[in-house]
C-alpha cells in the first residue's frame, strides 16, 4: 500500500465519522428538545405560540451543526489530495 491510498482511505473514514456524529448528535438534540417542548406545552398550553417559535429557532441551530458536519465531510472527500 502506498501513502496516497492510506491518506485517501483515512479521509473517507473521517468523512463518514464526521457526518455520522453530526447526524447522531443532531437527532438526539432534536429528540430531547421535542420532549421538553411537549412537557412544557402540557404544563402551560397557553404558551403554544412563544414555545413553538423558540423551538423552531433552536431546531434551526441544531440543524446548522448537522450541515456543518456535512460540509466538513464533503471537504474531506473532495478536497483530499489525489496523486
PDB file of N, CA and C in Angstrom:
ATOM      1  N   UNK A   1       0.856  -1.190   0.000  1.00  0.00           N
ATOM      2  CA  UNK A   1       0.000   0.000   0.000  1.00  0.00           C
ATOM      3  C   UNK A   1       0.889   1.237   0.000  1.00  0.00           C
ATOM      4  N   UNK A   2       0.475   2.190  -0.745  1.00  0.00           N
ATOM      5  CA  UNK A   2       1.226   3.423  -0.762  1.00  0.00           C
ATOM      6  C   UNK A   2       0.560   4.456   0.150  1.00  0.00           C
ATOM      7  N   UNK A   3       1.273   5.534   0.374  1.00  0.00           N
ATOM      8  CA  UNK A   3       0.819   6.558   1.316  1.00  0.00           C
ATOM      9  C   UNK A   3      -0.439   7.253   0.818  1.00  0.00           C
ATOM     10  N   UNK A   4      -0.559   7.434  -0.491  1.00  0.00           N
ATOM     11  CA  UNK A   4      -1.717   8.142  -1.042  1.00  0.00           C
ATOM     12  C   UNK A   4      -3.002   7.371  -0.779  1.00  0.00           C
ATOM     13  N   UNK A   5      -2.987   6.067  -0.970  1.00  0.00           N
ATOM     14  CA  UNK A   5      -4.210   5.292  -0.738  1.00  0.00           C
ATOM     15  C   UNK A   5      -4.564   5.246   0.741  1.00  0.00           C
ATOM     16  N   UNK A   6      -3.558   5.226   1.613  1.00  0.00           N
ATOM     17  CA  UNK A   6      -3.841   5.263   3.049  1.00  0.00           C
ATOM     18  C   UNK A   6      -4.456   6.603   3.424  1.00  0.00           C
ATOM     19  N   UNK A   7      -3.891   7.692   2.893  1.00  0.00           N
ATOM     20  CA  UNK A   7      -4.443   9.016   3.190  1.00  0.00           C
ATOM     21  C   UNK A   7      -5.863   9.163   2.659  1.00  0.00           C
ATOM     22  N   UNK A   8      -6.111   8.646   1.476  1.00  0.00           N
ATOM     23  CA  UNK A   8      -7.452   8.719   0.899  1.00  0.00           C
ATOM     24  C   UNK A   8      -8.436   7.894   1.724  1.00  0.00           C
ATOM     25  N   UNK A   9      -8.018   6.731   2.157  1.00  0.00           N
ATOM     26  CA  UNK A   9      -8.880   5.905   2.998  1.00  0.00           C
ATOM     27  C   UNK A   9      -9.184   6.562   4.333  1.00  0.00           C
ATOM     28  N   UNK A  10      -8.181   7.182   4.934  1.00  0.00           N
ATOM     29  CA  UNK A  10      -8.410   7.876   6.204  1.00  0.00           C
ATOM     30  C   UNK A  10      -9.309   9.095   6.023  1.00  0.00           C
ATOM     31  N   UNK A  11      -9.182   9.776   4.884  1.00  0.00           N
ATOM     32  CA  UNK A  11     -10.067  10.914   4.609  1.00  0.00           C
ATOM     33  C   UNK A  11     -11.506  10.446   4.463  1.00  0.00           C
ATOM     34  N   UNK A  12     -11.702   9.313   3.800  1.00  0.00           N
ATOM     35  CA  UNK A  12     -13.061   8.777   3.657  1.00  0.00           C
ATOM     36  C   UNK A  12     -13.616   8.314   4.997  1.00  0.00           C
ATOM     37  N   UNK A  13     -12.783   7.706   5.810  1.00  0.00           N
ATOM     38  CA  UNK A  13     -13.215   7.304   7.149  1.00  0.00           C
ATOM     39  C   UNK A  13     -13.582   8.528   7.984  1.00  0.00           C
ATOM     40  N   UNK A  14     -12.753   9.557   7.923  1.00  0.00           N
ATOM     41  CA  UNK A  14     -13.039  10.783   8.664  1.00  0.00           C
ATOM     42  C   UNK A  14     -14.316  11.459   8.203  1.00  0.00           C
ATOM     43  N   UNK A  15     -14.579  11.407   6.902  1.00  0.00           N
ATOM     44  CA  UNK A  15     -15.819  11.994   6.382  1.00  0.00           C
ATOM     45  C   UNK A  15     -17.029  11.244   6.916  1.00  0.00           C
ATOM     46  N   UNK A  16     -16.949   9.939   6.940  1.00  0.00           N
ATOM     47  CA  UNK A  16     -18.057   9.151   7.481  1.00  0.00           C
ATOM     48  C   UNK A  16     -18.275   9.394   8.958  1.00  0.00           C
ATOM     49  N   UNK A  17     -17.192   9.485   9.703  1.00  0.00           N
ATOM     50  CA  UNK A  17     -17.308   9.748  11.139  1.00  0.00           C
ATOM     51  C   UNK A  17     -17.876  11.141  11.378  1.00  0.00           C
ATOM     52  N   UNK A  18     -17.435  12.121  10.591  1.00  0.00           N
ATOM     53  CA  UNK A  18     -17.907  13.498  10.776  1.00  0.00           C
ATOM     54  C   UNK A  18     -19.410  13.603  10.564  1.00  0.00           C
ATOM     55  N   UNK A  19     -19.910  13.072   9.465  1.00  0.00           N
ATOM     56  CA  UNK A  19     -21.344  13.188   9.202  1.00  0.00           C
ATOM     57  C   UNK A  19     -22.127  12.277  10.134  1.00  0.00           C
ATOM     58  N   UNK A  20     -21.540  11.154  10.520  1.00  0.00           N
ATOM     59  CA  UNK A  20     -22.237  10.246  11.440  1.00  0.00           C
ATOM     60  C   UNK A  20     -22.453  10.862  12.804  1.00  0.00           C
ATOM     61  N   UNK A  21     -21.397  11.416  13.383  1.00  0.00           N
ATOM     62  CA  UNK A  21     -21.541  12.041  14.697  1.00  0.00           C
ATOM     63  C   UNK A  21     -22.408  13.293  14.632  1.00  0.00           C
ATOM     64  N   UNK A  22     -22.279  14.055  13.554  1.00  0.00           N
ATOM     65  CA  UNK A  22     -23.103  15.259  13.425  1.00  0.00           C
ATOM     66  C   UNK A  22     -24.580  14.897  13.345  1.00  0.00           C
ATOM     67  N   UNK A  23     -24.905  13.885  12.559  1.00  0.00           N
ATOM     68  CA  UNK A  23     -26.305  13.481  12.421  1.00  0.00           C
ATOM     69  C   UNK A  23     -26.833  12.857  13.708  1.00  0.00           C
ATOM     70  N   UNK A  24     -26.014  12.049  14.373  1.00  0.00           N
ATOM     71  CA  UNK A  24     -26.452  11.430  15.628  1.00  0.00           C
ATOM     72  C   UNK A  24     -26.664  12.481  16.711  1.00  0.00           C
ATOM     73  N   UNK A  25     -25.753  13.431  16.799  1.00  0.00           N
ATOM     74  CA  UNK A  25     -25.911  14.496  17.784  1.00  0.00           C
ATOM     75  C   UNK A  25     -27.104  15.379  17.490  1.00  0.00           C
ATOM     76  N   UNK A  26     -27.306  15.683  16.218  1.00  0.00           N
ATOM     77  CA  UNK A  26     -28.466  16.486  15.832  1.00  0.00           C
ATOM     78  C   UNK A  26     -29.770  15.770  16.112  1.00  0.00           C
ATOM     79  N   UNK A  27     -29.818  14.487  15.802  1.00  0.00           N
ATOM     80  CA  UNK A  27     -31.029  13.711  16.067  1.00  0.00           C
ATOM     81  C   UNK A  27     -31.333  13.620  17.549  1.00  0.00           C
ATOM     82  N   UNK A  28     -30.303  13.397  18.350  1.00  0.00           N
ATOM     83  CA  UNK A  28     -30.504  13.336  19.800  1.00  0.00           C
ATOM     84  C   UNK A  28     -30.959  14.688  20.338  1.00  0.00           C
ATOM     85  N   UNK A  29     -30.341  15.758  19.852  1.00  0.00           N
ATOM     86  CA  UNK A  29     -30.730  17.089  20.306  1.00  0.00           C
ATOM     87  C   UNK A  29     -32.160  17.438  19.944  1.00  0.00           C
ATOM     88  N   UNK A  30     -32.565  17.078  18.733  1.00  0.00           N
ATOM     89  CA  UNK A  30     -33.944  17.351  18.318  1.00  0.00           C
ATOM     90  C   UNK A  30     -34.938  16.523  19.119  1.00  0.00           C
ATOM     91  N   UNK A  31     -34.576  15.298  19.427  1.00  0.00           N
ATOM     92  CA  UNK A  31     -35.458  14.458  20.229  1.00  0.00           C
ATOM     93  C   UNK A  31     -35.624  14.981  21.644  1.00  0.00           C
ATOM     94  N   UNK A  32     -34.531  15.390  22.247  1.00  0.00           N
ATOM     95  CA  UNK A  32     -34.593  15.946  23.602  1.00  0.00           C
ATOM     96  C   UNK A  32     -35.400  17.234  23.601  1.00  0.00           C
ATOM     97  N   UNK A  33     -35.154  18.087  22.611  1.00  0.00           N
ATOM     98  CA  UNK A  33     -35.905  19.339  22.513  1.00  0.00           C
ATOM     99  C   UNK A  33     -37.394  19.079  22.346  1.00  0.00           C
ATOM    100  N   UNK A  34     -37.746  18.129  21.496  1.00  0.00           N
ATOM    101  CA  UNK A  34     -39.155  17.803  21.295  1.00  0.00           C
ATOM    102  C   UNK A  34     -39.812  17.302  22.568  1.00  0.00           C
ATOM    103  N   UNK A  35     -39.091  16.501  23.330  1.00  0.00           N
ATOM    104  CA  UNK A  35     -39.635  16.008  24.592  1.00  0.00           C
ATOM    105  C   UNK A  35     -39.886  17.123  25.587  1.00  0.00           C
ATOM    106  N   UNK A  36     -38.924  18.021  25.715  1.00  0.00           N
ATOM    107  CA  UNK A  36     -39.106  19.142  26.637  1.00  0.00           C
ATOM    108  C   UNK A  36     -40.186  20.105  26.147  1.00  0.00           C
ATOM    109  N   UNK A  37     -40.295  20.248  24.835  1.00  0.00           N
ATOM    110  CA  UNK A  37     -41.349  21.098  24.283  1.00  0.00           C
ATOM    111  C   UNK A  37     -42.724  20.557  24.650  1.00  0.00           C
ATOM    112  N   UNK A  38     -42.916  19.261  24.484  1.00  0.00           N
ATOM    113  CA  UNK A  38     -44.215  18.669  24.821  1.00  0.00           C
ATOM    114  C   UNK A  38     -44.489  18.727  26.317  1.00  0.00           C
ATOM    115  N   UNK A  39     -43.452  18.566  27.133  1.00  0.00           N
ATOM    116  CA  UNK A  39     -43.626  18.678  28.583  1.00  0.00           C
ATOM    117  C   UNK A  39     -44.057  20.090  28.963  1.00  0.00           C
ATOM    118  N   UNK A  40     -43.389  21.086  28.399  1.00  0.00           N
ATOM    119  CA  UNK A  40     -43.747  22.472  28.698  1.00  0.00           C
ATOM    120  C   UNK A  40     -45.137  22.806  28.181  1.00  0.00           C
ATOM    121  N   UNK A  41     -45.484  22.272  27.028  1.00  0.00           N
ATOM    122  CA  UNK A  41     -46.801  22.533  26.455  1.00  0.00           C
ATOM    123  C   UNK A  41     -47.904  21.869  27.274  1.00  0.00           C
ATOM    124  N   UNK A  42     -47.625  20.710  27.834  1.00  0.00           N
ATOM    125  CA  UNK A  42     -48.619  20.041  28.677  1.00  0.00           C
ATOM    126  C   UNK A  42     -48.840  20.803  29.975  1.00  0.00           C
ATOM    127  N   UNK A  43     -47.800  21.453  30.473  1.00  0.00           N
ATOM    128  CA  UNK A  43     -47.934  22.208  31.722  1.00  0.00           C
ATOM    129  C   UNK A  43     -48.651  23.537  31.506  1.00  0.00           C
ATOM    130  N   UNK A  44     -48.318  24.218  30.401  1.00  0.00           N
ATOM    131  CA  UNK A  44     -48.908  25.533  30.130  1.00  0.00           C
ATOM    132  C   UNK A  44     -49.312  25.612  28.658  1.00  0.00           C
ATOM    133  N   UNK A  45     -50.488  25.127  28.315  1.00  0.00           N
ATOM    134  CA  UNK A  45     -50.910  25.125  26.904  1.00  0.00           C
ATOM    135  C   UNK A  45     -51.081  26.519  26.308  1.00  0.00           C
ATOM    136  N   UNK A  46     -51.272  27.512  27.143  1.00  0.00           N
ATOM    137  CA  UNK A  46     -51.474  28.869  26.624  1.00  0.00           C
ATOM    138  C   UNK A  46     -50.191  29.463  26.037  1.00  0.00           C
ATOM    139  N   UNK A  47     -49.055  28.842  26.272  1.00  0.00           N
ATOM    140  CA  UNK A  47     -47.785  29.348  25.746  1.00  0.00           C
ATOM    141  C   UNK A  47     -47.384  28.691  24.425  1.00  0.00           C
ATOM    142  N   UNK A  48     -48.352  28.171  23.700  1.00  0.00           N
ATOM    143  CA  UNK A  48     -48.043  27.463  22.456  1.00  0.00           C
ATOM    144  C   UNK A  48     -47.295  28.350  21.462  1.00  0.00           C
ATOM    145  N   UNK A  49     -47.739  29.574  21.265  1.00  0.00           N
ATOM    146  CA  UNK A  49     -47.111  30.465  20.278  1.00  0.00           C
ATOM    147  C   UNK A  49     -45.641  30.735  20.552  1.00  0.00           C
ATOM    148  N   UNK A  50     -45.309  31.276  21.744  1.00  0.00           N
ATOM    149  CA  UNK A  50     -43.891  31.551  22.019  1.00  0.00           C
ATOM    150  C   UNK A  50     -43.033  30.284  22.085  1.00  0.00           C
ATOM    151  N   UNK A  51     -43.598  29.225  22.658  1.00  0.00           N
ATOM    152  CA  UNK A  51     -42.819  27.984  22.744  1.00  0.00           C
ATOM    153  C   UNK A  51     -42.507  27.429  21.361  1.00  0.00           C
ATOM    154  N   UNK A  52     -43.482  27.487  20.477  1.00  0.00           N
ATOM    155  CA  UNK A  52     -43.264  26.977  19.121  1.00  0.00           C
ATOM    156  C   UNK A  52     -42.208  27.814  18.403  1.00  0.00           C
ATOM    157  N   UNK A  53     -42.255  29.123  18.594  1.00  0.00           N
ATOM    158  CA  UNK A  53     -41.266  29.996  17.961  1.00  0.00           C
ATOM    159  C   UNK A  53     -39.862  29.675  18.446  1.00  0.00           C
ATOM    160  N   UNK A  54     -39.698  29.539  19.759  1.00  0.00           N
ATOM    161  CA  UNK A  54     -38.379  29.230  20.311  1.00  0.00           C
ATOM    162  C   UNK A  54     -37.913  27.837  19.896  1.00  0.00           C
ATOM    163  N   UNK A  55     -38.847  26.899  19.832  1.00  0.00           N
ATOM    164  CA  UNK A  55     -38.473  25.547  19.442  1.00  0.00           C
ATOM    165  C   UNK A  55     -37.978  25.520  18.000  1.00  0.00           C
ATOM    166  N   UNK A  56     -38.664  26.195  17.109  1.00  0.00           N
ATOM    167  CA  UNK A  56     -38.242  26.221  15.709  1.00  0.00           C
ATOM    168  C   UNK A  56     -36.886  26.910  15.574  1.00  0.00           C
ATOM    169  N   UNK A  57     -36.663  27.961  16.347  1.00  0.00           N
ATOM    170  CA  UNK A  57     -35.383  28.654  16.306  1.00  0.00           C
ATOM    171  C   UNK A  57     -34.251  27.738  16.765  1.00  0.00           C
ATOM    172  N   UNK A  58     -34.468  27.016  17.840  1.00  0.00           N
ATOM    173  CA  UNK A  58     -33.433  26.103  18.336  1.00  0.00           C
ATOM    174  C   UNK A  58     -33.236  24.932  17.369  1.00  0.00           C
ATOM    175  N   UNK A  59     -34.310  24.461  16.738  1.00  0.00           N
ATOM    176  CA  UNK A  59     -34.175  23.397  15.740  1.00  0.00           C
ATOM    177  C   UNK A  59     -33.308  23.846  14.566  1.00  0.00           C
ATOM    178  N   UNK A  60     -33.429  25.101  14.192  1.00  0.00           N
ATOM    179  CA  UNK A  60     -32.590  25.634  13.109  1.00  0.00           C
ATOM    180  C   UNK A  60     -31.122  25.606  13.517  1.00  0.00           C
ATOM    181  N   UNK A  61     -30.829  25.985  14.757  1.00  0.00           N
ATOM    182  CA  UNK A  61     -29.441  25.960  15.221  1.00  0.00           C
ATOM    183  C   UNK A  61     -28.899  24.538  15.303  1.00  0.00           C
ATOM    184  N   UNK A  62     -29.733  23.600  15.722  1.00  0.00           N
ATOM    185  CA  UNK A  62     -29.302  22.202  15.774  1.00  0.00           C
ATOM    186  C   UNK A  62     -29.032  21.688  14.362  1.00  0.00           C
ATOM    187  N   UNK A  63     -29.916  22.004  13.450  1.00  0.00           N
ATOM    188  CA  UNK A  63     -29.738  21.533  12.072  1.00  0.00           C
ATOM    189  C   UNK A  63     -28.520  22.186  11.426  1.00  0.00           C
ATOM    190  N   UNK A  64     -28.177  23.395  11.853  1.00  0.00           N
ATOM    191  CA  UNK A  64     -26.988  24.056  11.309  1.00  0.00           C
ATOM    192  C   UNK A  64     -25.732  23.267  11.652  1.00  0.00           C
ATOM    193  N   UNK A  65     -25.652  22.722  12.862  1.00  0.00           N
ATOM    194  CA  UNK A  65     -24.452  21.953  13.202  1.00  0.00           C
ATOM    195  C   UNK A  65     -24.389  20.653  12.407  1.00  0.00           C
ATOM    196  N   UNK A  66     -25.538  20.101  12.053  1.00  0.00           N
ATOM    197  CA  UNK A  66     -25.540  18.915  11.188  1.00  0.00           C
ATOM    198  C   UNK A  66     -25.035  19.295   9.794  1.00  0.00           C
ATOM    199  N   UNK A  67     -25.460  20.442   9.303  1.00  0.00           N
ATOM    200  CA  UNK A  67     -24.977  20.891   7.992  1.00  0.00           C
ATOM    201  C   UNK A  67     -23.482  21.199   8.020  1.00  0.00           C
ATOM    202  N   UNK A  68     -22.970  21.708   9.145  1.00  0.00           N
ATOM    203  CA  UNK A  68     -21.526  21.925   9.265  1.00  0.00           C
ATOM    204  C   UNK A  68     -20.783  20.595   9.184  1.00  0.00           C
ATOM    205  N   UNK A  69     -21.308  19.577   9.826  1.00  0.00           N
ATOM    206  CA  UNK A  69     -20.706  18.250   9.726  1.00  0.00           C
ATOM    207  C   UNK A  69     -20.727  17.727   8.304  1.00  0.00           C
ATOM    208  N   UNK A  70     -21.822  17.986   7.589  1.00  0.00           N
ATOM    209  CA  UNK A  70     -21.920  17.579   6.186  1.00  0.00           C
ATOM    210  C   UNK A  70     -20.882  18.304   5.340  1.00  0.00           C
ATOM    211  N   UNK A  71     -20.714  19.595   5.569  1.00  0.00           N
ATOM    212  CA  UNK A  71     -19.730  20.372   4.809  1.00  0.00           C
ATOM    213  C   UNK A  71     -18.320  19.856   5.088  1.00  0.00           C
ATOM    214  N   UNK A  72     -18.023  19.564   6.344  1.00  0.00           N
ATOM    215  CA  UNK A  72     -16.702  19.027   6.685  1.00  0.00           C
ATOM    216  C   UNK A  72     -16.473  17.689   5.989  1.00  0.00           C
ATOM    217  N   UNK A  73     -17.496  16.850   5.961  1.00  0.00           N
ATOM    218  CA  UNK A  73     -17.324  15.555   5.303  1.00  0.00           C
ATOM    219  C   UNK A  73     -17.131  15.720   3.794  1.00  0.00           C
ATOM    220  N   UNK A  74     -17.820  16.662   3.183  1.00  0.00           N
ATOM    221  CA  UNK A  74     -17.633  16.896   1.751  1.00  0.00           C
ATOM    222  C   UNK A  74     -16.243  17.460   1.464  1.00  0.00           C
ATOM    223  N   UNK A  75     -15.755  18.315   2.339  1.00  0.00           N
ATOM    224  CA  UNK A  75     -14.398  18.842   2.165  1.00  0.00           C
ATOM    225  C   UNK A  75     -13.384  17.710   2.274  1.00  0.00           C
ATOM    226  N   UNK A  76     -13.589  16.826   3.243  1.00  0.00           N
ATOM    227  CA  UNK A  76     -12.669  15.698   3.386  1.00  0.00           C
ATOM    228  C   UNK A  76     -12.708  14.776   2.175  1.00  0.00           C
ATOM    229  N   UNK A  77     -13.880  14.603   1.597  1.00  0.00           N
ATOM    230  CA  UNK A  77     -13.996  13.698   0.453  1.00  0.00           C
ATOM    231  C   UNK A  77     -13.443  14.295  -0.837  1.00  0.00           C
ATOM    232  N   UNK A  78     -13.776  15.547  -1.104  1.00  0.00           N
ATOM    233  CA  UNK A  78     -13.466  16.110  -2.417  1.00  0.00           C
ATOM    234  C   UNK A  78     -12.246  17.023  -2.438  1.00  0.00           C
ATOM    235  N   UNK A  79     -11.738  17.429  -1.291  1.00  0.00           N
ATOM    236  CA  UNK A  79     -10.542  18.264  -1.267  1.00  0.00           C
ATOM    237  C   UNK A  79      -9.316  17.462  -0.839  1.00  0.00           C
ATOM    238  N   UNK A  80      -9.475  16.161  -0.648  1.00  0.00           N
ATOM    239  CA  UNK A  80      -8.332  15.323  -0.289  1.00  0.00           C
ATOM    240  C   UNK A  80      -7.385  15.235  -1.484  1.00  0.00           C
ATOM    241  N   UNK A  81      -6.096  15.276  -1.228  1.00  0.00           N
ATOM    242  CA  UNK A  81      -5.150  15.205  -2.352  1.00  0.00           C
ATOM    243  C   UNK A  81      -5.211  13.843  -3.031  1.00  0.00           C
ATOM    244  N   UNK A  82      -5.305  13.880  -4.347  1.00  0.00           N
ATOM    245  CA  UNK A  82      -5.328  12.646  -5.140  1.00  0.00           C
ATOM    246  C   UNK A  82      -4.160  12.698  -6.123  1.00  0.00           C
ATOM    247  N   UNK A  83      -3.162  11.899  -5.885  1.00  0.00           N
ATOM    248  CA  UNK A  83      -1.976  11.902  -6.758  1.00  0.00           C
ATOM    249  C   UNK A  83      -1.978  10.695  -7.631  1.00  0.00           C
TER     250      UNK A  83
END
